[in-house]
PDB file of N, CA and C in Angstrom:
ATOM      1  N   MET A   1      97.101   0.406 -63.272  1.00  0.00           N
ATOM      2  CA  MET A   1      96.393   0.810 -64.305  1.00  0.00           C
ATOM      3  C   MET A   1      97.109   2.095 -64.645  1.00  0.00           C
ATOM      4  N   SER A   2      97.457   1.812 -65.921  1.00  0.00           N
ATOM      5  CA  SER A   2      98.253   3.524 -66.925  1.00  0.00           C
ATOM      6  C   SER A   2      97.511   4.665 -67.024  1.00  0.00           C
ATOM      7  N   ASN A   3      97.567   5.646 -66.875  1.00  0.00           N
ATOM      8  CA  ASN A   3      97.235   6.712 -67.054  1.00  0.00           C
ATOM      9  C   ASN A   3      96.312   6.714 -68.683  1.00  0.00           C
ATOM     10  N   LYS A   4      97.095   6.169 -69.689  1.00  0.00           N
ATOM     11  CA  LYS A   4      95.836   6.358 -70.894  1.00  0.00           C
ATOM     12  C   LYS A   4      95.217   5.603 -70.419  1.00  0.00           C
ATOM     13  N   ILE A   5      94.906   4.331 -69.434  1.00  0.00           N
ATOM     14  CA  ILE A   5      93.713   3.394 -69.367  1.00  0.00           C
ATOM     15  C   ILE A   5      92.864   4.265 -68.561  1.00  0.00           C
ATOM     16  N   LEU A   6      93.246   4.936 -67.907  1.00  0.00           N
ATOM     17  CA  LEU A   6      92.567   5.704 -66.840  1.00  0.00           C
ATOM     18  C   LEU A   6      92.067   6.724 -67.352  1.00  0.00           C
ATOM     19  N   ARG A   7      92.873   7.711 -68.546  1.00  0.00           N
ATOM     20  CA  ARG A   7      91.951   8.485 -69.062  1.00  0.00           C
ATOM     21  C   ARG A   7      90.837   8.438 -70.187  1.00  0.00           C
ATOM     22  N   LYS A   8      90.826   7.043 -70.496  1.00  0.00           N
ATOM     23  CA  LYS A   8      89.795   6.327 -71.433  1.00  0.00           C
ATOM     24  C   LYS A   8      89.036   5.846 -70.910  1.00  0.00           C
ATOM     25  N   MET A   9      88.614   5.525 -69.626  1.00  0.00           N
ATOM     26  CA  MET A   9      87.735   5.202 -68.680  1.00  0.00           C
ATOM     27  C   MET A   9      87.012   6.777 -67.940  1.00  0.00           C
ATOM     28  N   ILE A  10      87.314   7.395 -67.771  1.00  0.00           N
ATOM     29  CA  ILE A  10      87.157   9.121 -67.419  1.00  0.00           C
ATOM     30  C   ILE A  10      86.713   9.530 -68.856  1.00  0.00           C
ATOM     31  N   GLU A  11      87.024   9.774 -69.837  1.00  0.00           N
ATOM     32  CA  GLU A  11      86.944  10.101 -70.714  1.00  0.00           C
ATOM     33  C   GLU A  11      85.746   9.239 -71.679  1.00  0.00           C
ATOM     34  N   GLY A  12      85.683   8.702 -71.413  1.00  0.00           N
ATOM     35  CA  GLY A  12      84.402   7.294 -72.279  1.00  0.00           C
ATOM     36  C   GLY A  12      83.090   7.173 -71.411  1.00  0.00           C
ATOM     37  N   SER A  13      83.272   8.344 -70.029  1.00  0.00           N
ATOM     38  CA  SER A  13      82.037   8.389 -69.420  1.00  0.00           C
ATOM     39  C   SER A  13      81.221   8.526 -69.929  1.00  0.00           C
ATOM     40  N   GLU A  14      80.949   9.640 -70.696  1.00  0.00           N
ATOM     41  CA  GLU A  14      80.506   9.888 -72.194  1.00  0.00           C
ATOM     42  C   GLU A  14      79.024  10.745 -70.628  1.00  0.00           C
ATOM     43  N   GLY A  15      79.668  11.430 -69.924  1.00  0.00           N
ATOM     44  CA  GLY A  15      79.082  12.225 -69.058  1.00  0.00           C
ATOM     45  C   GLY A  15      78.490  12.012 -67.989  1.00  0.00           C
ATOM     46  N   LYS A  16      78.343  10.591 -67.689  1.00  0.00           N
ATOM     47  CA  LYS A  16      77.540  10.131 -66.629  1.00  0.00           C
ATOM     48  C   LYS A  16      78.797  10.774 -65.344  1.00  0.00           C
ATOM     49  N   PHE A  17      77.664  10.692 -64.442  1.00  0.00           N
ATOM     50  CA  PHE A  17      78.476  11.190 -63.327  1.00  0.00           C
ATOM     51  C   PHE A  17      79.716   9.899 -62.554  1.00  0.00           C
ATOM     52  N   PHE A  18      80.615   9.866 -61.740  1.00  0.00           N
ATOM     53  CA  PHE A  18      81.316   9.361 -61.334  1.00  0.00           C
ATOM     54  C   PHE A  18      82.006   9.853 -60.275  1.00  0.00           C
ATOM     55  N   SER A  19      83.014   9.015 -59.178  1.00  0.00           N
ATOM     56  CA  SER A  19      83.235   9.732 -58.067  1.00  0.00           C
ATOM     57  C   SER A  19      84.877   9.394 -58.449  1.00  0.00           C
ATOM     58  N   VAL A  20      86.215   9.881 -58.367  1.00  0.00           N
ATOM     59  CA  VAL A  20      87.179   9.910 -57.882  1.00  0.00           C
ATOM     60  C   VAL A  20      88.076  10.547 -57.277  1.00  0.00           C
ATOM     61  N   VAL A  21      88.749   9.329 -56.218  1.00  0.00           N
ATOM     62  CA  VAL A  21      89.827   9.646 -55.107  1.00  0.00           C
ATOM     63  C   VAL A  21      91.344   9.897 -55.762  1.00  0.00           C
ATOM     64  N   PHE A  22      91.834  11.504 -54.921  1.00  0.00           N
ATOM     65  CA  PHE A  22      93.567  11.660 -55.639  1.00  0.00           C
ATOM     66  C   PHE A  22      93.669  12.492 -54.204  1.00  0.00           C
ATOM     67  N   LYS A  23      95.308  12.305 -54.635  1.00  0.00           N
ATOM     68  CA  LYS A  23      96.193  13.486 -53.417  1.00  0.00           C
ATOM     69  C   LYS A  23      96.210  14.250 -54.207  1.00  0.00           C
ATOM     70  N   LYS A  24      95.709  15.273 -53.753  1.00  0.00           N
ATOM     71  CA  LYS A  24      96.477  16.911 -53.980  1.00  0.00           C
ATOM     72  C   LYS A  24      97.648  16.980 -53.238  1.00  0.00           C
ATOM     73  N   ALA A  25      98.139  18.580 -53.868  1.00  0.00           N
ATOM     74  CA  ALA A  25      99.251  18.555 -54.372  1.00  0.00           C
ATOM     75  C   ALA A  25      99.890  18.647 -52.721  1.00  0.00           C
ATOM     76  N   ASN A  26      98.909  19.282 -51.678  1.00  0.00           N
ATOM     77  CA  ASN A  26      99.600  19.093 -50.197  1.00  0.00           C
ATOM     78  C   ASN A  26      99.422  18.031 -49.421  1.00  0.00           C
ATOM     79  N   GLY A  27      98.962  16.779 -50.087  1.00  0.00           N
ATOM     80  CA  GLY A  27      98.938  15.479 -49.384  1.00  0.00           C
ATOM     81  C   GLY A  27      98.236  14.977 -49.030  1.00  0.00           C
ATOM     82  N   ASP A  28      97.062  15.793 -48.667  1.00  0.00           N
ATOM     83  CA  ASP A  28      95.131  15.381 -48.710  1.00  0.00           C
ATOM     84  C   ASP A  28      94.736  14.412 -49.963  1.00  0.00           C
ATOM     85  N   LEU A  29      94.188  13.502 -49.153  1.00  0.00           N
ATOM     86  CA  LEU A  29      92.738  13.216 -49.803  1.00  0.00           C
ATOM     87  C   LEU A  29      91.454  13.911 -50.756  1.00  0.00           C
ATOM     88  N   ARG A  30      91.076  13.663 -51.536  1.00  0.00           N
ATOM     89  CA  ARG A  30      89.712  14.487 -52.472  1.00  0.00           C
ATOM     90  C   ARG A  30      89.147  13.384 -52.567  1.00  0.00           C
ATOM     91  N   GLU A  31      88.110  13.679 -52.006  1.00  0.00           N
ATOM     92  CA  GLU A  31      86.985  12.777 -52.669  1.00  0.00           C
ATOM     93  C   GLU A  31      86.268  13.742 -53.662  1.00  0.00           C
ATOM     94  N   MET A  32      85.916  13.180 -55.063  1.00  0.00           N
ATOM     95  CA  MET A  32      85.127  14.175 -56.040  1.00  0.00           C
ATOM     96  C   MET A  32      84.098  13.811 -56.628  1.00  0.00           C
ATOM     97  N   ASN A  33      83.092  14.247 -56.625  1.00  0.00           N
ATOM     98  CA  ASN A  33      82.057  13.457 -57.815  1.00  0.00           C
ATOM     99  C   ASN A  33      81.957  15.018 -58.846  1.00  0.00           C
ATOM    100  N   CYS A  34      81.659  14.379 -60.351  1.00  0.00           N
ATOM    101  CA  CYS A  34      82.340  14.931 -61.215  1.00  0.00           C
ATOM    102  C   CYS A  34      81.522  14.491 -62.601  1.00  0.00           C
ATOM    103  N   ARG A  35      81.817  14.911 -63.376  1.00  0.00           N
ATOM    104  CA  ARG A  35      81.259  14.287 -64.440  1.00  0.00           C
ATOM    105  C   ARG A  35      82.425  15.212 -65.637  1.00  0.00           C
ATOM    106  N   THR A  36      82.388  14.694 -67.012  1.00  0.00           N
ATOM    107  CA  THR A  36      82.962  15.187 -68.134  1.00  0.00           C
ATOM    108  C   THR A  36      82.079  15.421 -69.663  1.00  0.00           C
ATOM    109  N   GLY A  37      82.595  16.479 -69.986  1.00  0.00           N
ATOM    110  CA  GLY A  37      81.376  16.574 -71.622  1.00  0.00           C
ATOM    111  C   GLY A  37      80.391  18.018 -70.673  1.00  0.00           C
ATOM    112  N   VAL A  38      80.987  18.671 -69.387  1.00  0.00           N
ATOM    113  CA  VAL A  38      79.703  19.673 -69.156  1.00  0.00           C
ATOM    114  C   VAL A  38      80.717  20.923 -70.232  1.00  0.00           C
ATOM    115  N   LYS A  39      79.401  21.500 -70.399  1.00  0.00           N
ATOM    116  CA  LYS A  39      79.902  22.761 -71.752  1.00  0.00           C
ATOM    117  C   LYS A  39      79.506  23.943 -71.413  1.00  0.00           C
ATOM    118  N   LYS A  40      78.074  23.811 -70.871  1.00  0.00           N
ATOM    119  CA  LYS A  40      77.563  24.871 -70.100  1.00  0.00           C
ATOM    120  C   LYS A  40      77.805  26.538 -69.672  1.00  0.00           C
ATOM    121  N   HIS A  41      79.663  25.787 -69.344  1.00  0.00           N
ATOM    122  CA  HIS A  41      80.049  26.964 -68.286  1.00  0.00           C
ATOM    123  C   HIS A  41      81.230  27.553 -69.295  1.00  0.00           C
ATOM    124  N   LEU A  42      81.809  27.498 -70.392  1.00  0.00           N
ATOM    125  CA  LEU A  42      82.685  27.840 -70.945  1.00  0.00           C
ATOM    126  C   LEU A  42      82.526  29.153 -70.983  1.00  0.00           C
ATOM    127  N   ARG A  43      83.802  29.435 -71.102  1.00  0.00           N
ATOM    128  CA  ARG A  43      84.163  31.015 -71.361  1.00  0.00           C
ATOM    129  C   ARG A  43      84.756  30.999 -72.759  1.00  0.00           C
ATOM    130  N   GLY A  44      84.563  30.673 -73.872  1.00  0.00           N
ATOM    131  CA  GLY A  44      85.695  30.499 -74.803  1.00  0.00           C
ATOM    132  C   GLY A  44      87.423  30.389 -74.620  1.00  0.00           C
ATOM    133  N   GLY A  45      87.857  29.849 -75.323  1.00  0.00           N
ATOM    134  CA  GLY A  45      89.211  29.937 -75.385  1.00  0.00           C
ATOM    135  C   GLY A  45      90.004  28.436 -75.448  1.00  0.00           C
ATOM    136  N   ASP A  46      90.730  28.336 -75.771  1.00  0.00           N
ATOM    137  CA  ASP A  46      91.389  27.303 -75.826  1.00  0.00           C
ATOM    138  C   ASP A  46      91.618  26.437 -74.340  1.00  0.00           C
ATOM    139  N   SER A  47      91.715  25.056 -74.352  1.00  0.00           N
ATOM    140  CA  SER A  47      92.228  24.075 -72.702  1.00  0.00           C
ATOM    141  C   SER A  47      93.510  24.842 -72.665  1.00  0.00           C
ATOM    142  N   THR A  48      93.997  25.066 -71.238  1.00  0.00           N
ATOM    143  CA  THR A  48      95.032  25.369 -70.746  1.00  0.00           C
ATOM    144  C   THR A  48      96.117  24.282 -70.176  1.00  0.00           C
ATOM    145  N   THR A  49      95.476  22.982 -70.576  1.00  0.00           N
ATOM    146  CA  THR A  49      95.976  22.117 -69.815  1.00  0.00           C
ATOM    147  C   THR A  49      95.627  20.779 -70.664  1.00  0.00           C
ATOM    148  N   ALA A  50      94.819  21.202 -72.546  1.00  0.00           N
ATOM    149  CA  ALA A  50      94.618  19.648 -73.340  1.00  0.00           C
ATOM    150  C   ALA A  50      96.164  19.203 -73.607  1.00  0.00           C
ATOM    151  N   HIS A  51      97.153  19.930 -73.550  1.00  0.00           N
ATOM    152  CA  HIS A  51      98.737  19.598 -73.824  1.00  0.00           C
ATOM    153  C   HIS A  51      98.974  18.773 -73.291  1.00  0.00           C
ATOM    154  N   LYS A  52      98.597  18.342 -72.028  1.00  0.00           N
ATOM    155  CA  LYS A  52      99.012  17.513 -70.369  1.00  0.00           C
ATOM    156  C   LYS A  52      98.869  16.634 -70.647  1.00  0.00           C
ATOM    157  N   ASP A  53      99.734  15.441 -70.677  1.00  0.00           N
ATOM    158  CA  ASP A  53      98.732  14.227 -70.867  1.00  0.00           C
ATOM    159  C   ASP A  53      98.103  13.688 -69.633  1.00  0.00           C
ATOM    160  N   ASN A  54      98.522  14.011 -68.415  1.00  0.00           N
ATOM    161  CA  ASN A  54      98.155  13.275 -67.468  1.00  0.00           C
ATOM    162  C   ASN A  54      96.899  13.877 -66.283  1.00  0.00           C
ATOM    163  N   LEU A  55      96.405  15.318 -67.162  1.00  0.00           N
ATOM    164  CA  LEU A  55      95.682  15.951 -66.733  1.00  0.00           C
ATOM    165  C   LEU A  55      94.161  16.110 -67.097  1.00  0.00           C
ATOM    166  N   VAL A  56      93.670  15.830 -66.582  1.00  0.00           N
ATOM    167  CA  VAL A  56      92.026  15.777 -67.187  1.00  0.00           C
ATOM    168  C   VAL A  56      90.956  16.727 -66.398  1.00  0.00           C
ATOM    169  N   THR A  57      90.451  17.413 -67.390  1.00  0.00           N
ATOM    170  CA  THR A  57      89.423  18.493 -66.764  1.00  0.00           C
ATOM    171  C   THR A  57      87.593  18.032 -66.574  1.00  0.00           C
ATOM    172  N   VAL A  58      87.543  17.821 -65.403  1.00  0.00           N
ATOM    173  CA  VAL A  58      86.082  17.553 -65.189  1.00  0.00           C
ATOM    174  C   VAL A  58      85.232  18.548 -64.531  1.00  0.00           C
ATOM    175  N   TRP A  59      83.581  18.262 -64.708  1.00  0.00           N
ATOM    176  CA  TRP A  59      82.920  19.193 -64.025  1.00  0.00           C
ATOM    177  C   TRP A  59      82.978  18.884 -62.343  1.00  0.00           C
ATOM    178  N   ASP A  60      83.266  19.869 -61.589  1.00  0.00           N
ATOM    179  CA  ASP A  60      83.109  19.240 -60.018  1.00  0.00           C
ATOM    180  C   ASP A  60      81.170  19.801 -59.779  1.00  0.00           C
ATOM    181  N   THR A  61      81.022  18.612 -59.283  1.00  0.00           N
ATOM    182  CA  THR A  61      79.437  18.533 -59.263  1.00  0.00           C
ATOM    183  C   THR A  61      79.039  19.452 -57.356  1.00  0.00           C
ATOM    184  N   GLU A  62      80.558  19.452 -56.541  1.00  0.00           N
ATOM    185  CA  GLU A  62      79.718  20.037 -55.660  1.00  0.00           C
ATOM    186  C   GLU A  62      79.968  21.650 -55.507  1.00  0.00           C
ATOM    187  N   LYS A  63      81.296  22.084 -56.212  1.00  0.00           N
ATOM    188  CA  LYS A  63      81.584  23.011 -56.232  1.00  0.00           C
ATOM    189  C   LYS A  63      81.342  23.898 -57.386  1.00  0.00           C
ATOM    190  N   LYS A  64      80.371  23.195 -58.098  1.00  0.00           N
ATOM    191  CA  LYS A  64      79.944  24.099 -59.437  1.00  0.00           C
ATOM    192  C   LYS A  64      80.837  24.502 -59.948  1.00  0.00           C
ATOM    193  N   ALA A  65      82.416  23.587 -60.656  1.00  0.00           N
ATOM    194  CA  ALA A  65      83.221  24.637 -60.989  1.00  0.00           C
ATOM    195  C   ALA A  65      83.924  23.447 -61.780  1.00  0.00           C
ATOM    196  N   TYR A  66      84.995  23.727 -63.263  1.00  0.00           N
ATOM    197  CA  TYR A  66      86.015  23.164 -63.583  1.00  0.00           C
ATOM    198  C   TYR A  66      87.279  23.081 -63.140  1.00  0.00           C
ATOM    199  N   ARG A  67      87.691  20.920 -62.793  1.00  0.00           N
ATOM    200  CA  ARG A  67      88.710  20.908 -61.974  1.00  0.00           C
ATOM    201  C   ARG A  67      89.532  19.985 -62.784  1.00  0.00           C
ATOM    202  N   CYS A  68      90.505  20.053 -62.399  1.00  0.00           N
ATOM    203  CA  CYS A  68      91.748  19.186 -63.268  1.00  0.00           C
ATOM    204  C   CYS A  68      91.909  18.085 -62.102  1.00  0.00           C
ATOM    205  N   ILE A  69      92.488  17.264 -62.607  1.00  0.00           N
ATOM    206  CA  ILE A  69      92.260  15.738 -62.268  1.00  0.00           C
ATOM    207  C   ILE A  69      93.706  15.097 -62.969  1.00  0.00           C
ATOM    208  N   ASN A  70      94.928  15.262 -61.605  1.00  0.00           N
ATOM    209  CA  ASN A  70      96.513  14.264 -61.897  1.00  0.00           C
ATOM    210  C   ASN A  70      96.280  12.905 -62.308  1.00  0.00           C
ATOM    211  N   LEU A  71      95.845  12.537 -62.973  1.00  0.00           N
ATOM    212  CA  LEU A  71      95.959  11.089 -63.331  1.00  0.00           C
ATOM    213  C   LEU A  71      97.264  10.429 -62.702  1.00  0.00           C
ATOM    214  N   ASP A  72      98.029  11.052 -62.039  1.00  0.00           N
ATOM    215  CA  ASP A  72      99.248  10.360 -61.568  1.00  0.00           C
ATOM    216  C   ASP A  72      98.707  10.230 -59.981  1.00  0.00           C
ATOM    217  N   THR A  73      97.851  10.683 -59.846  1.00  0.00           N
ATOM    218  CA  THR A  73      97.981  10.788 -58.043  1.00  0.00           C
ATOM    219  C   THR A  73      96.467  10.237 -57.664  1.00  0.00           C
ATOM    220  N   VAL A  74      95.748   9.678 -58.797  1.00  0.00           N
ATOM    221  CA  VAL A  74      94.659   8.965 -58.439  1.00  0.00           C
ATOM    222  C   VAL A  74      94.668   7.846 -57.691  1.00  0.00           C
ATOM    223  N   THR A  75      93.804   7.406 -56.815  1.00  0.00           N
ATOM    224  CA  THR A  75      93.889   6.039 -56.194  1.00  0.00           C
ATOM    225  C   THR A  75      92.670   5.118 -56.191  1.00  0.00           C
ATOM    226  N   LYS A  76      91.557   5.924 -56.533  1.00  0.00           N
ATOM    227  CA  LYS A  76      90.067   5.074 -56.525  1.00  0.00           C
ATOM    228  C   LYS A  76      88.930   5.810 -57.693  1.00  0.00           C
ATOM    229  N   VAL A  77      88.767   5.186 -58.456  1.00  0.00           N
ATOM    230  CA  VAL A  77      87.571   5.496 -59.446  1.00  0.00           C
ATOM    231  C   VAL A  77      86.154   4.917 -59.501  1.00  0.00           C
ATOM    232  N   SER A  78      85.143   5.558 -58.891  1.00  0.00           N
ATOM    233  CA  SER A  78      83.849   4.495 -59.053  1.00  0.00           C
ATOM    234  C   SER A  78      83.423   5.631 -60.463  1.00  0.00           C
ATOM    235  N   LEU A  79      82.687   4.016 -60.836  1.00  0.00           N
ATOM    236  CA  LEU A  79      81.885   4.601 -62.263  1.00  0.00           C
ATOM    237  C   LEU A  79      81.025   3.379 -62.379  1.00  0.00           C
ATOM    238  N   GLU A  80      79.751   4.058 -62.716  1.00  0.00           N
ATOM    239  CA  GLU A  80      78.516   3.073 -63.323  1.00  0.00           C
ATOM    240  C   GLU A  80      78.146   1.994 -62.560  1.00  0.00           C
ATOM    241  N   GLY A  81      78.818   1.905 -61.198  1.00  0.00           N
ATOM    242  CA  GLY A  81      78.101   1.142 -60.198  1.00  0.00           C
ATOM    243  C   GLY A  81      79.726   0.372 -59.903  1.00  0.00           C
ATOM    244  N   LYS A  82      80.601   0.492 -60.579  1.00  0.00           N
ATOM    245  CA  LYS A  82      82.013   0.019 -60.371  1.00  0.00           C
ATOM    246  C   LYS A  82      82.780   0.873 -59.727  1.00  0.00           C
ATOM    247  N   VAL A  83      83.785  -0.168 -58.379  1.00  0.00           N
ATOM    248  CA  VAL A  83      84.863   0.772 -57.880  1.00  0.00           C
ATOM    249  C   VAL A  83      86.553  -0.006 -58.444  1.00  0.00           C
ATOM    250  N   PHE A  84      87.195   1.290 -59.198  1.00  0.00           N
ATOM    251  CA  PHE A  84      88.587   0.667 -59.741  1.00  0.00           C
ATOM    252  C   PHE A  84      89.342   0.978 -58.354  1.00  0.00           C
ATOM    253  N   GLU A  85      90.288   0.158 -57.788  1.00  0.00           N
ATOM    254  CA  GLU A  85      91.486   0.598 -57.232  1.00  0.00           C
ATOM    255  C   GLU A  85      92.869   0.563 -58.210  1.00  0.00           C
ATOM    256  N   VAL A  86      93.134   2.100 -58.112  1.00  0.00           N
ATOM    257  CA  VAL A  86      94.440   1.966 -59.197  1.00  0.00           C
ATOM    258  C   VAL A  86      95.439   2.088 -57.975  1.00  0.00           C
ATOM    259  N   SER A  87      96.632   1.444 -58.563  1.00  0.00           N
ATOM    260  CA  SER A  87      97.528   1.180 -57.657  1.00  0.00           C
ATOM    261  C   SER A  87      98.750   2.048 -58.399  1.00  0.00           C
ATOM    262  N   ASN A  88      98.883   2.950 -59.630  1.00  0.00           N
ATOM    263  CA  ASN A  88      99.790   3.677 -59.471  1.00  0.00           C
ATOM    264  C   ASN A  88      99.589   5.330 -58.925  1.00  0.00           C
ATOM    265  N   GLY A  89      98.720   5.596 -58.468  1.00  0.00           N
ATOM    266  CA  GLY A  89      98.755   6.617 -57.354  1.00  0.00           C
ATOM    267  C   GLY A  89      99.327   6.715 -56.279  1.00  0.00           C
ATOM    268  N   GLU A  90      99.792   7.883 -55.875  1.00  0.00           N
ATOM    269  CA  GLU A  90     100.927   8.053 -54.812  1.00  0.00           C
ATOM    270  C   GLU A  90     100.412   7.869 -53.617  1.00  0.00           C
TER     271      GLU A  90
END
């Protein structure tokens, strides 16, 4: 699955909750429950990652903070009751 399709799927979730599994920079796998479209906690200013095609900003529901997902390292996405295995994850 290409990053473009993965980004479209995540951003197209329209604020619904989903989970994603990805490899962190230190090599550990992390599962995160998150959603897009959260604006309540914004402090103003422009996104620092908007220009990077491989990053998507989401709201981490456990940590209650914004996090970036590196699409290059995603291995699985669970959205609307469907599980998508991603073969391009490292």
